[in-house]
Amino acid sequence: MNKKILILVIVLVAITGLAVLEVTNGVLSALAFDQISYNYSSKVWIPPTHPEDPTAGSLGGYYKIDGKGRDFNFFLQLTGAEKSESPLDYTADGLHGTGRIDQIKVTPGTVFSLLNKDVKDAMFNTLFKGNMNMTCAAWTGTTTFQNDGQTFGGNFTIHGVLTYWEGTYTLKRESFRILGTSDFIYHPNNQPSKAKRVQKSYYL
């Protein structure tokens, strides 16, 4: 075979292989994403647990995500929460997380959202899965998350000095905000028979 034709065939096979990988696994998306630095922040609001109680207060603050490619840092601070929460659960230092996106696939919806400068919509249109380690006050935790195009959510576990938490969460677009709902249990360490279930909503 002519050497130039052979090279062309090799290139075409390589391109075809990459195209198949992109369709099935998002390899090109991941390679491109690995070169991108990003920094994003937004407000967060947690409604009162008992809104019918006029003395019940809500919590507000902000979160920030920054990183490059698959590796990222997460920070959450709730203004004034340290005044009402136990120092074992929350301090003014906030919540810190380090995570990694294990898989990512950009879709046409991702590109369209970015062209319209809608970062939140781009996030919901991008397929990915990953994990994050968290520290806050006296506890540590882990979470895994995934957006499969139908559901955006994950699960988490938290190990505290006195208490253990375990649950799931989902994120949905609600107008210009993101609605997060969590369903979890908590109980004193090594005493699962005393577990209590909680469902909580918050806005990002």
N, C-alpha and C. Protein backbone atom coordinates (compact mmCIF):
# COMPACT_ATOMS: atom_id res chain seq x y z
N MET A 1 0.85 -1.20 0.00
CA MET A 1 0.00 0.00 0.00
C MET A 1 0.88 1.24 0.00
N ASN A 2 0.47 2.25 -0.78
CA ASN A 2 1.18 3.52 -0.81
C ASN A 2 1.29 4.09 0.60
N LYS A 3 2.50 4.58 0.96
CA LYS A 3 2.75 5.04 2.33
C LYS A 3 1.80 6.17 2.71
N LYS A 4 1.53 7.11 1.77
CA LYS A 4 0.64 8.23 2.08
C LYS A 4 -0.78 7.74 2.33
N ILE A 5 -1.21 6.75 1.53
CA ILE A 5 -2.55 6.19 1.72
C ILE A 5 -2.63 5.47 3.07
N LEU A 6 -1.56 4.75 3.43
CA LEU A 6 -1.52 4.05 4.70
C LEU A 6 -1.65 5.03 5.87
N ILE A 7 -0.91 6.14 5.78
CA ILE A 7 -0.98 7.15 6.84
C ILE A 7 -2.39 7.71 6.93
N LEU A 8 -3.01 7.97 5.74
CA LEU A 8 -4.37 8.49 5.72
C LEU A 8 -5.34 7.51 6.37
N VAL A 9 -5.18 6.21 6.06
CA VAL A 9 -6.04 5.19 6.64
C VAL A 9 -5.87 5.16 8.16
N ILE A 10 -4.61 5.23 8.62
CA ILE A 10 -4.34 5.23 10.06
C ILE A 10 -5.00 6.42 10.73
N VAL A 11 -4.87 7.60 10.08
CA VAL A 11 -5.49 8.81 10.64
C VAL A 11 -7.00 8.67 10.69
N LEU A 12 -7.60 8.16 9.60
CA LEU A 12 -9.05 7.99 9.56
C LEU A 12 -9.52 6.99 10.61
N VAL A 13 -8.77 5.90 10.78
CA VAL A 13 -9.13 4.92 11.80
C VAL A 13 -9.04 5.55 13.19
N ALA A 14 -7.98 6.34 13.40
CA ALA A 14 -7.81 7.00 14.69
C ALA A 14 -8.96 7.96 14.97
N ILE A 15 -9.32 8.76 13.93
CA ILE A 15 -10.42 9.72 14.09
C ILE A 15 -11.73 8.99 14.36
N THR A 16 -11.95 7.89 13.61
CA THR A 16 -13.17 7.10 13.81
C THR A 16 -13.21 6.53 15.22
N GLY A 17 -12.06 6.01 15.66
CA GLY A 17 -11.99 5.46 17.00
C GLY A 17 -12.27 6.50 18.06
N LEU A 18 -11.69 7.70 17.88
CA LEU A 18 -11.93 8.78 18.83
C LEU A 18 -13.38 9.22 18.81
N ALA A 19 -13.98 9.23 17.61
CA ALA A 19 -15.39 9.62 17.50
C ALA A 19 -16.28 8.63 18.25
N VAL A 20 -15.97 7.34 18.09
CA VAL A 20 -16.75 6.31 18.80
C VAL A 20 -16.57 6.46 20.31
N LEU A 21 -15.31 6.69 20.72
CA LEU A 21 -15.05 6.88 22.15
C LEU A 21 -15.78 8.10 22.68
N GLU A 22 -15.82 9.16 21.87
CA GLU A 22 -16.50 10.38 22.29
C GLU A 22 -17.99 10.13 22.47
N VAL A 23 -18.58 9.40 21.53
CA VAL A 23 -20.01 9.12 21.61
C VAL A 23 -20.34 8.24 22.81
N THR A 24 -19.47 7.25 23.06
CA THR A 24 -19.77 6.29 24.12
C THR A 24 -19.26 6.73 25.49
N ASN A 25 -18.09 7.39 25.52
CA ASN A 25 -17.48 7.69 26.81
C ASN A 25 -17.16 9.16 27.04
N GLY A 26 -17.27 10.00 26.02
CA GLY A 26 -16.94 11.40 26.20
C GLY A 26 -15.45 11.64 26.38
N VAL A 27 -14.60 10.83 25.71
CA VAL A 27 -13.16 10.95 25.90
C VAL A 27 -12.64 12.31 25.47
N LEU A 28 -13.05 12.79 24.28
CA LEU A 28 -12.58 14.09 23.82
C LEU A 28 -13.05 15.19 24.75
N SER A 29 -14.28 15.07 25.25
CA SER A 29 -14.79 16.06 26.19
C SER A 29 -13.91 16.11 27.42
N ALA A 30 -13.53 14.94 27.92
CA ALA A 30 -12.70 14.87 29.11
C ALA A 30 -11.32 15.45 28.86
N LEU A 31 -10.74 15.13 27.67
CA LEU A 31 -9.41 15.65 27.35
C LEU A 31 -9.43 17.17 27.28
N ALA A 32 -10.47 17.72 26.66
CA ALA A 32 -10.59 19.18 26.58
C ALA A 32 -10.84 19.78 27.95
N PHE A 33 -11.70 19.13 28.73
CA PHE A 33 -12.05 19.64 30.05
C PHE A 33 -10.84 19.67 30.97
N ASP A 34 -9.94 18.71 30.81
CA ASP A 34 -8.75 18.65 31.67
C ASP A 34 -7.88 19.90 31.56
N GLN A 35 -8.02 20.66 30.48
CA GLN A 35 -7.19 21.85 30.27
C GLN A 35 -7.87 23.14 30.75
N ILE A 36 -9.11 23.04 31.21
CA ILE A 36 -9.88 24.24 31.54
C ILE A 36 -9.80 24.57 33.03
N SER A 37 -9.47 25.83 33.33
CA SER A 37 -9.54 26.33 34.71
C SER A 37 -10.88 27.03 34.90
N TYR A 38 -11.45 26.94 36.09
CA TYR A 38 -12.75 27.54 36.32
C TYR A 38 -12.87 28.03 37.75
N ASN A 39 -13.77 28.98 37.94
CA ASN A 39 -14.02 29.58 39.26
C ASN A 39 -15.45 30.08 39.25
N TYR A 40 -16.29 29.52 40.10
CA TYR A 40 -17.71 29.88 40.10
C TYR A 40 -18.20 30.02 41.54
N SER A 41 -19.01 31.03 41.79
CA SER A 41 -19.58 31.20 43.13
C SER A 41 -21.03 31.65 43.00
N SER A 42 -21.82 31.35 44.02
CA SER A 42 -23.23 31.73 44.01
C SER A 42 -23.76 31.70 45.44
N LYS A 43 -24.94 32.27 45.62
CA LYS A 43 -25.55 32.32 46.94
C LYS A 43 -26.26 31.00 47.25
N VAL A 44 -26.44 30.74 48.54
CA VAL A 44 -27.19 29.58 48.99
C VAL A 44 -28.15 30.02 50.09
N TRP A 45 -29.35 29.43 50.11
CA TRP A 45 -30.35 29.79 51.11
C TRP A 45 -31.03 28.52 51.61
N ILE A 46 -31.08 28.36 52.93
CA ILE A 46 -31.75 27.22 53.55
C ILE A 46 -32.97 27.74 54.29
N PRO A 47 -34.18 27.39 53.83
CA PRO A 47 -35.41 27.89 54.47
C PRO A 47 -35.53 27.41 55.91
N PRO A 48 -36.38 28.06 56.71
CA PRO A 48 -36.61 27.61 58.09
C PRO A 48 -37.13 26.17 58.12
N THR A 49 -36.72 25.43 59.13
CA THR A 49 -37.20 24.05 59.26
C THR A 49 -38.70 24.02 59.51
N HIS A 50 -39.19 25.00 60.29
CA HIS A 50 -40.62 25.10 60.58
C HIS A 50 -41.09 26.51 60.19
N PRO A 51 -41.43 26.72 58.91
CA PRO A 51 -41.81 28.05 58.43
C PRO A 51 -43.05 28.63 59.11
N GLU A 52 -43.87 27.75 59.70
CA GLU A 52 -45.07 28.25 60.39
C GLU A 52 -44.72 28.90 61.73
N ASP A 53 -43.50 28.67 62.21
CA ASP A 53 -43.05 29.25 63.48
C ASP A 53 -42.40 30.61 63.20
N PRO A 54 -42.99 31.71 63.69
CA PRO A 54 -42.45 33.05 63.40
C PRO A 54 -41.06 33.29 63.97
N THR A 55 -40.65 32.46 64.95
CA THR A 55 -39.31 32.63 65.53
C THR A 55 -38.25 31.80 64.80
N ALA A 56 -38.71 30.93 63.88
CA ALA A 56 -37.76 30.08 63.16
C ALA A 56 -37.00 30.91 62.13
N GLY A 57 -35.71 30.72 62.08
CA GLY A 57 -34.88 31.50 61.16
C GLY A 57 -34.36 30.66 60.01
N SER A 58 -34.00 31.34 58.94
CA SER A 58 -33.38 30.68 57.80
C SER A 58 -31.88 30.94 57.83
N LEU A 59 -31.15 30.24 56.98
CA LEU A 59 -29.71 30.43 56.89
C LEU A 59 -29.35 30.81 55.46
N GLY A 60 -28.40 31.71 55.33
CA GLY A 60 -27.95 32.13 54.01
C GLY A 60 -26.45 32.24 53.97
N GLY A 61 -25.89 32.19 52.78
CA GLY A 61 -24.45 32.31 52.63
C GLY A 61 -24.08 32.17 51.17
N TYR A 62 -22.93 31.58 50.91
CA TYR A 62 -22.50 31.40 49.53
C TYR A 62 -21.62 30.17 49.42
N TYR A 63 -21.47 29.69 48.19
CA TYR A 63 -20.55 28.59 47.93
C TYR A 63 -19.67 28.95 46.75
N LYS A 64 -18.51 28.31 46.68
CA LYS A 64 -17.55 28.59 45.62
C LYS A 64 -16.93 27.29 45.15
N ILE A 65 -16.79 27.15 43.84
CA ILE A 65 -16.14 25.99 43.24
C ILE A 65 -15.02 26.50 42.34
N ASP A 66 -13.81 26.00 42.53
CA ASP A 66 -12.72 26.38 41.65
C ASP A 66 -11.82 25.17 41.42
N GLY A 67 -11.19 25.14 40.27
CA GLY A 67 -10.32 24.02 39.97
C GLY A 67 -9.81 24.08 38.55
N LYS A 68 -9.20 22.99 38.13
CA LYS A 68 -8.75 22.84 36.75
C LYS A 68 -9.03 21.42 36.32
N GLY A 69 -9.79 21.30 35.24
CA GLY A 69 -10.11 19.97 34.74
C GLY A 69 -10.94 19.18 35.73
N ARG A 70 -10.55 17.94 35.94
CA ARG A 70 -11.34 17.04 36.76
C ARG A 70 -11.24 17.32 38.26
N ASP A 71 -10.16 17.98 38.69
CA ASP A 71 -9.94 18.21 40.11
C ASP A 71 -10.46 19.58 40.53
N PHE A 72 -11.18 19.63 41.64
CA PHE A 72 -11.77 20.89 42.06
C PHE A 72 -11.80 21.01 43.58
N ASN A 73 -11.97 22.26 44.04
CA ASN A 73 -12.15 22.57 45.45
C ASN A 73 -13.54 23.17 45.64
N PHE A 74 -14.12 22.90 46.79
CA PHE A 74 -15.45 23.41 47.10
C PHE A 74 -15.41 24.08 48.46
N PHE A 75 -16.11 25.22 48.57
CA PHE A 75 -16.17 25.93 49.85
C PHE A 75 -17.59 26.44 50.06
N LEU A 76 -18.12 26.25 51.26
CA LEU A 76 -19.45 26.72 51.62
C LEU A 76 -19.39 27.45 52.95
N GLN A 77 -19.98 28.64 53.00
CA GLN A 77 -20.03 29.39 54.26
C GLN A 77 -21.44 29.91 54.48
N LEU A 78 -21.98 29.62 55.66
CA LEU A 78 -23.31 30.07 56.05
C LEU A 78 -23.15 31.19 57.08
N THR A 79 -23.52 32.39 56.71
CA THR A 79 -23.30 33.56 57.55
C THR A 79 -24.03 33.45 58.89
N GLY A 80 -23.26 33.52 59.97
CA GLY A 80 -23.84 33.52 61.31
C GLY A 80 -24.27 32.18 61.84
N ALA A 81 -24.14 31.11 61.05
CA ALA A 81 -24.60 29.79 61.49
C ALA A 81 -23.83 29.30 62.71
N GLU A 82 -22.58 29.75 62.84
CA GLU A 82 -21.77 29.31 63.97
C GLU A 82 -22.33 29.78 65.31
N LYS A 83 -23.22 30.80 65.27
CA LYS A 83 -23.80 31.32 66.51
C LYS A 83 -24.91 30.43 67.05
N SER A 84 -25.53 29.65 66.17
CA SER A 84 -26.64 28.80 66.61
C SER A 84 -26.32 27.31 66.54
N GLU A 85 -25.24 26.95 65.86
CA GLU A 85 -24.89 25.54 65.72
C GLU A 85 -23.80 25.14 66.70
N SER A 86 -23.77 23.85 67.01
CA SER A 86 -22.71 23.32 67.87
C SER A 86 -21.37 23.44 67.16
N PRO A 87 -20.29 23.77 67.89
CA PRO A 87 -18.97 23.84 67.27
C PRO A 87 -18.49 22.48 66.74
N LEU A 88 -19.19 21.41 67.13
CA LEU A 88 -18.87 20.10 66.57
C LEU A 88 -19.45 19.95 65.17
N ASP A 89 -20.51 20.74 64.86
CA ASP A 89 -21.21 20.61 63.58
C ASP A 89 -20.83 21.68 62.57
N TYR A 90 -20.62 22.92 63.05
CA TYR A 90 -20.31 24.01 62.12
C TYR A 90 -19.57 25.12 62.84
N THR A 91 -18.54 25.68 62.18
CA THR A 91 -17.82 26.84 62.70
C THR A 91 -17.72 27.88 61.59
N ALA A 92 -17.21 29.05 61.94
CA ALA A 92 -17.09 30.14 60.98
C ALA A 92 -16.13 29.81 59.84
N ASP A 93 -15.32 28.76 60.00
CA ASP A 93 -14.40 28.35 58.93
C ASP A 93 -15.13 27.75 57.74
N GLY A 94 -16.40 27.37 57.93
CA GLY A 94 -17.19 26.84 56.83
C GLY A 94 -16.87 25.39 56.49
N LEU A 95 -17.42 24.95 55.37
CA LEU A 95 -17.22 23.59 54.88
C LEU A 95 -16.24 23.61 53.71
N HIS A 96 -15.25 22.72 53.76
CA HIS A 96 -14.26 22.62 52.69
C HIS A 96 -14.34 21.24 52.05
N GLY A 97 -14.22 21.21 50.74
CA GLY A 97 -14.25 19.94 50.03
C GLY A 97 -13.22 19.89 48.93
N THR A 98 -12.70 18.70 48.67
CA THR A 98 -11.82 18.46 47.52
C THR A 98 -12.41 17.30 46.74
N GLY A 99 -12.57 17.48 45.44
CA GLY A 99 -13.24 16.45 44.67
C GLY A 99 -12.60 16.18 43.32
N ARG A 100 -13.15 15.18 42.67
CA ARG A 100 -12.67 14.81 41.33
C ARG A 100 -13.85 14.34 40.49
N ILE A 101 -13.87 14.81 39.25
CA ILE A 101 -14.87 14.37 38.28
C ILE A 101 -14.28 13.18 37.54
N ASP A 102 -14.84 12.00 37.76
CA ASP A 102 -14.28 10.78 37.19
C ASP A 102 -14.62 10.62 35.71
N GLN A 103 -15.82 11.03 35.32
CA GLN A 103 -16.25 10.94 33.92
C GLN A 103 -17.01 12.20 33.56
N ILE A 104 -16.84 12.66 32.32
CA ILE A 104 -17.59 13.84 31.86
C ILE A 104 -17.83 13.73 30.37
N LYS A 105 -19.01 14.15 29.94
CA LYS A 105 -19.36 14.14 28.52
C LYS A 105 -20.16 15.39 28.20
N VAL A 106 -19.60 16.21 27.33
CA VAL A 106 -20.27 17.43 26.89
C VAL A 106 -21.33 17.06 25.85
N THR A 107 -22.51 17.66 25.96
CA THR A 107 -23.60 17.41 25.02
C THR A 107 -23.89 18.68 24.22
N PRO A 108 -24.67 18.58 23.14
CA PRO A 108 -25.06 19.80 22.41
C PRO A 108 -25.74 20.82 23.32
N GLY A 109 -26.49 20.32 24.31
CA GLY A 109 -27.14 21.21 25.26
C GLY A 109 -26.14 21.99 26.09
N THR A 110 -25.00 21.36 26.40
CA THR A 110 -23.94 22.04 27.14
C THR A 110 -23.44 23.24 26.35
N VAL A 111 -23.13 22.99 25.07
CA VAL A 111 -22.58 24.04 24.21
C VAL A 111 -23.59 25.17 24.05
N PHE A 112 -24.85 24.83 23.82
CA PHE A 112 -25.89 25.84 23.65
C PHE A 112 -26.02 26.70 24.90
N SER A 113 -25.98 26.07 26.08
CA SER A 113 -26.11 26.81 27.34
C SER A 113 -24.92 27.74 27.55
N LEU A 114 -23.72 27.26 27.23
CA LEU A 114 -22.53 28.10 27.41
C LEU A 114 -22.55 29.29 26.45
N LEU A 115 -23.05 29.07 25.22
CA LEU A 115 -23.15 30.18 24.27
C LEU A 115 -24.12 31.24 24.78
N ASN A 116 -25.11 30.79 25.56
CA ASN A 116 -26.07 31.72 26.15
C ASN A 116 -25.65 32.18 27.54
N LYS A 117 -24.43 31.82 27.94
CA LYS A 117 -23.83 32.22 29.22
C LYS A 117 -24.68 31.78 30.41
N ASP A 118 -25.30 30.61 30.28
CA ASP A 118 -26.10 30.04 31.36
C ASP A 118 -25.32 28.87 31.96
N VAL A 119 -24.51 29.16 32.98
CA VAL A 119 -23.63 28.15 33.56
C VAL A 119 -24.43 27.05 34.25
N LYS A 120 -25.49 27.42 34.95
CA LYS A 120 -26.28 26.42 35.66
C LYS A 120 -26.94 25.45 34.69
N ASP A 121 -27.48 25.97 33.59
CA ASP A 121 -28.11 25.10 32.61
C ASP A 121 -27.07 24.21 31.95
N ALA A 122 -25.87 24.75 31.72
CA ALA A 122 -24.79 23.95 31.14
C ALA A 122 -24.45 22.77 32.04
N MET A 123 -24.45 23.01 33.35
CA MET A 123 -24.16 21.94 34.30
C MET A 123 -25.19 20.82 34.20
N PHE A 124 -26.47 21.19 34.08
CA PHE A 124 -27.52 20.18 34.01
C PHE A 124 -27.53 19.44 32.67
N ASN A 125 -26.96 20.05 31.64
CA ASN A 125 -26.92 19.42 30.32
C ASN A 125 -25.66 18.59 30.09
N THR A 126 -24.73 18.63 31.04
CA THR A 126 -23.49 17.88 30.91
C THR A 126 -23.59 16.59 31.71
N LEU A 127 -23.19 15.48 31.10
CA LEU A 127 -23.24 14.19 31.78
C LEU A 127 -21.92 13.97 32.52
N PHE A 128 -21.99 13.62 33.79
CA PHE A 128 -20.76 13.41 34.54
C PHE A 128 -21.03 12.63 35.82
N LYS A 129 -19.96 12.14 36.41
CA LYS A 129 -20.03 11.52 37.73
C LYS A 129 -18.71 11.78 38.44
N GLY A 130 -18.77 11.86 39.77
CA GLY A 130 -17.56 12.16 40.51
C GLY A 130 -17.73 11.92 41.99
N ASN A 131 -16.76 12.40 42.76
CA ASN A 131 -16.77 12.21 44.20
C ASN A 131 -16.09 13.38 44.89
N MET A 132 -16.34 13.53 46.18
CA MET A 132 -15.74 14.63 46.94
C MET A 132 -15.59 14.24 48.41
N ASN A 133 -14.47 14.63 49.00
CA ASN A 133 -14.26 14.50 50.44
C ASN A 133 -14.53 15.84 51.09
N MET A 134 -15.14 15.83 52.27
CA MET A 134 -15.55 17.07 52.94
C MET A 134 -15.05 17.10 54.38
N THR A 135 -14.75 18.32 54.86
CA THR A 135 -14.43 18.53 56.27
C THR A 135 -15.15 19.79 56.73
N CYS A 136 -15.66 19.76 57.94
CA CYS A 136 -16.33 20.92 58.52
C CYS A 136 -16.36 20.74 60.03
N ALA A 137 -15.92 21.76 60.75
CA ALA A 137 -15.91 21.69 62.22
C ALA A 137 -15.19 20.41 62.65
N ALA A 138 -15.91 19.52 63.37
CA ALA A 138 -15.27 18.31 63.89
C ALA A 138 -15.63 17.06 63.11
N TRP A 139 -16.24 17.21 61.92
CA TRP A 139 -16.63 16.02 61.18
C TRP A 139 -15.98 15.94 59.80
N THR A 140 -15.97 14.74 59.26
CA THR A 140 -15.50 14.49 57.90
C THR A 140 -16.58 13.72 57.15
N GLY A 141 -16.59 13.85 55.84
CA GLY A 141 -17.61 13.15 55.07
C GLY A 141 -17.18 12.90 53.64
N THR A 142 -17.95 12.09 52.95
CA THR A 142 -17.71 11.80 51.54
C THR A 142 -19.04 11.85 50.79
N THR A 143 -18.97 12.19 49.52
CA THR A 143 -20.16 12.17 48.68
C THR A 143 -19.79 11.72 47.28
N THR A 144 -20.69 10.99 46.64
CA THR A 144 -20.57 10.67 45.22
C THR A 144 -21.76 11.31 44.52
N PHE A 145 -21.54 11.81 43.30
CA PHE A 145 -22.61 12.50 42.58
C PHE A 145 -22.59 12.11 41.11
N GLN A 146 -23.75 12.28 40.46
CA GLN A 146 -23.86 11.89 39.06
C GLN A 146 -25.01 12.62 38.40
N ASN A 147 -24.79 13.04 37.15
CA ASN A 147 -25.86 13.56 36.31
C ASN A 147 -25.92 12.67 35.07
N ASP A 148 -26.98 11.87 34.95
CA ASP A 148 -27.08 10.94 33.83
C ASP A 148 -28.00 11.46 32.73
N GLY A 149 -28.37 12.74 32.82
CA GLY A 149 -29.26 13.32 31.82
C GLY A 149 -30.71 13.28 32.23
N GLN A 150 -31.03 12.43 33.19
CA GLN A 150 -32.39 12.32 33.71
C GLN A 150 -32.48 12.80 35.16
N THR A 151 -31.49 12.38 35.95
CA THR A 151 -31.47 12.73 37.37
C THR A 151 -30.09 13.24 37.75
N PHE A 152 -30.06 14.32 38.52
CA PHE A 152 -28.81 14.88 39.03
C PHE A 152 -28.86 14.74 40.54
N GLY A 153 -28.04 13.86 41.08
CA GLY A 153 -28.07 13.64 42.52
C GLY A 153 -26.89 12.83 43.00
N GLY A 154 -26.99 12.38 44.24
CA GLY A 154 -25.90 11.60 44.80
C GLY A 154 -26.23 11.12 46.19
N ASN A 155 -25.22 10.58 46.86
CA ASN A 155 -25.39 10.13 48.23
C ASN A 155 -24.21 10.61 49.06
N PHE A 156 -24.36 10.59 50.37
CA PHE A 156 -23.30 11.08 51.24
C PHE A 156 -23.30 10.34 52.58
N THR A 157 -22.14 10.34 53.21
CA THR A 157 -22.00 9.86 54.58
C THR A 157 -21.16 10.88 55.33
N ILE A 158 -21.49 11.09 56.60
CA ILE A 158 -20.76 12.03 57.45
C ILE A 158 -20.45 11.34 58.78
N HIS A 159 -19.19 11.42 59.18
CA HIS A 159 -18.76 10.84 60.45
C HIS A 159 -18.40 11.97 61.41
N GLY A 160 -19.22 12.16 62.42
CA GLY A 160 -18.97 13.19 63.41
C GLY A 160 -18.39 12.60 64.69
N VAL A 161 -18.05 13.47 65.62
CA VAL A 161 -17.51 13.03 66.90
C VAL A 161 -18.54 12.20 67.66
N LEU A 162 -19.79 12.66 67.61
CA LEU A 162 -20.86 11.98 68.35
C LEU A 162 -21.93 11.36 67.46
N THR A 163 -22.01 11.82 66.20
CA THR A 163 -23.15 11.46 65.35
C THR A 163 -22.71 10.98 63.97
N TYR A 164 -23.54 10.10 63.40
CA TYR A 164 -23.32 9.58 62.04
C TYR A 164 -24.51 9.97 61.17
N TRP A 165 -24.23 10.46 59.95
CA TRP A 165 -25.28 10.83 59.00
C TRP A 165 -25.11 10.01 57.72
N GLU A 166 -26.22 9.70 57.07
CA GLU A 166 -26.18 9.01 55.78
C GLU A 166 -27.44 9.34 55.00
N GLY A 167 -27.30 9.67 53.70
CA GLY A 167 -28.49 10.00 52.94
C GLY A 167 -28.23 10.24 51.47
N THR A 168 -29.26 10.75 50.80
CA THR A 168 -29.20 11.04 49.37
C THR A 168 -29.67 12.47 49.13
N TYR A 169 -29.38 12.99 47.94
CA TYR A 169 -29.85 14.32 47.56
C TYR A 169 -30.06 14.38 46.06
N THR A 170 -30.93 15.30 45.64
CA THR A 170 -31.17 15.55 44.22
C THR A 170 -31.18 17.06 43.98
N LEU A 171 -30.79 17.46 42.78
CA LEU A 171 -30.78 18.86 42.39
C LEU A 171 -31.65 19.03 41.15
N LYS A 172 -32.48 20.10 41.14
CA LYS A 172 -33.36 20.37 40.01
C LYS A 172 -33.36 21.86 39.71
N ARG A 173 -33.57 22.20 38.43
CA ARG A 173 -33.73 23.61 38.07
C ARG A 173 -35.11 24.07 38.50
N GLU A 174 -35.17 25.22 39.13
CA GLU A 174 -36.45 25.83 39.50
C GLU A 174 -36.35 27.31 39.16
N SER A 175 -36.82 27.67 37.97
CA SER A 175 -36.70 29.03 37.47
C SER A 175 -35.22 29.39 37.38
N PHE A 176 -34.81 30.49 38.02
CA PHE A 176 -33.42 30.92 37.95
C PHE A 176 -32.58 30.33 39.08
N ARG A 177 -33.19 29.48 39.92
CA ARG A 177 -32.46 28.89 41.04
C ARG A 177 -32.32 27.39 40.86
N ILE A 178 -31.50 26.79 41.72
CA ILE A 178 -31.38 25.34 41.79
C ILE A 178 -31.98 24.89 43.12
N LEU A 179 -32.94 23.98 43.06
CA LEU A 179 -33.56 23.44 44.26
C LEU A 179 -32.87 22.13 44.63
N GLY A 180 -32.36 22.08 45.84
CA GLY A 180 -31.76 20.85 46.34
C GLY A 180 -32.65 20.24 47.41
N THR A 181 -32.87 18.94 47.34
CA THR A 181 -33.64 18.24 48.37
C THR A 181 -32.80 17.07 48.87
N SER A 182 -32.79 16.89 50.16
CA SER A 182 -32.02 15.79 50.75
C SER A 182 -32.92 14.96 51.66
N ASP A 183 -32.62 13.69 51.71
CA ASP A 183 -33.36 12.73 52.54
C ASP A 183 -32.30 11.91 53.26
N PHE A 184 -32.22 12.06 54.59
CA PHE A 184 -31.14 11.39 55.30
C PHE A 184 -31.56 10.94 56.70
N ILE A 185 -30.73 10.10 57.28
CA ILE A 185 -30.91 9.67 58.66
C ILE A 185 -29.68 10.08 59.45
N TYR A 186 -29.86 10.24 60.76
CA TYR A 186 -28.71 10.48 61.63
C TYR A 186 -28.97 9.79 62.96
N HIS A 187 -27.91 9.38 63.61
CA HIS A 187 -28.04 8.71 64.90
C HIS A 187 -26.72 8.79 65.65
N PRO A 188 -26.75 8.61 66.98
CA PRO A 188 -25.50 8.58 67.74
C PRO A 188 -24.60 7.47 67.19
N ASN A 189 -23.31 7.70 67.19
CA ASN A 189 -22.37 6.70 66.67
C ASN A 189 -22.61 5.33 67.29
N ASN A 190 -22.65 4.32 66.41
CA ASN A 190 -22.81 2.92 66.82
C ASN A 190 -24.16 2.63 67.47
N GLN A 191 -25.15 3.50 67.24
CA GLN A 191 -26.49 3.26 67.79
C GLN A 191 -27.54 3.49 66.70
N PRO A 192 -27.52 2.68 65.63
CA PRO A 192 -28.46 2.87 64.52
C PRO A 192 -29.92 2.71 64.91
N SER A 193 -30.19 2.04 66.03
CA SER A 193 -31.58 1.87 66.46
C SER A 193 -32.22 3.20 66.87
N LYS A 194 -31.39 4.22 67.10
CA LYS A 194 -31.90 5.53 67.51
C LYS A 194 -31.93 6.51 66.33
N ALA A 195 -31.90 5.97 65.13
CA ALA A 195 -31.85 6.83 63.94
C ALA A 195 -33.12 7.65 63.77
N LYS A 196 -32.95 8.87 63.30
CA LYS A 196 -34.06 9.76 62.97
C LYS A 196 -33.94 10.15 61.50
N ARG A 197 -35.08 10.27 60.83
CA ARG A 197 -35.08 10.62 59.41
C ARG A 197 -35.45 12.08 59.23
N VAL A 198 -34.75 12.75 58.30
CA VAL A 198 -34.97 14.16 58.03
C VAL A 198 -35.03 14.39 56.52
N GLN A 199 -35.94 15.24 56.09
CA GLN A 199 -36.00 15.68 54.70
C GLN A 199 -35.84 17.20 54.69
N LYS A 200 -34.93 17.69 53.86
CA LYS A 200 -34.58 19.11 53.90
C LYS A 200 -34.47 19.65 52.48
N SER A 201 -34.87 20.92 52.31
CA SER A 201 -34.73 21.60 51.02
C SER A 201 -33.84 22.82 51.17
N TYR A 202 -33.18 23.19 50.10
CA TYR A 202 -32.32 24.37 50.10
C TYR A 202 -32.21 24.88 48.68
N TYR A 203 -31.80 26.13 48.54
CA TYR A 203 -31.71 26.75 47.22
C TYR A 203 -30.29 27.23 46.94
N LEU A 204 -29.83 26.98 45.71
CA LEU A 204 -28.50 27.39 45.29
C LEU A 204 -28.61 28.39 44.14
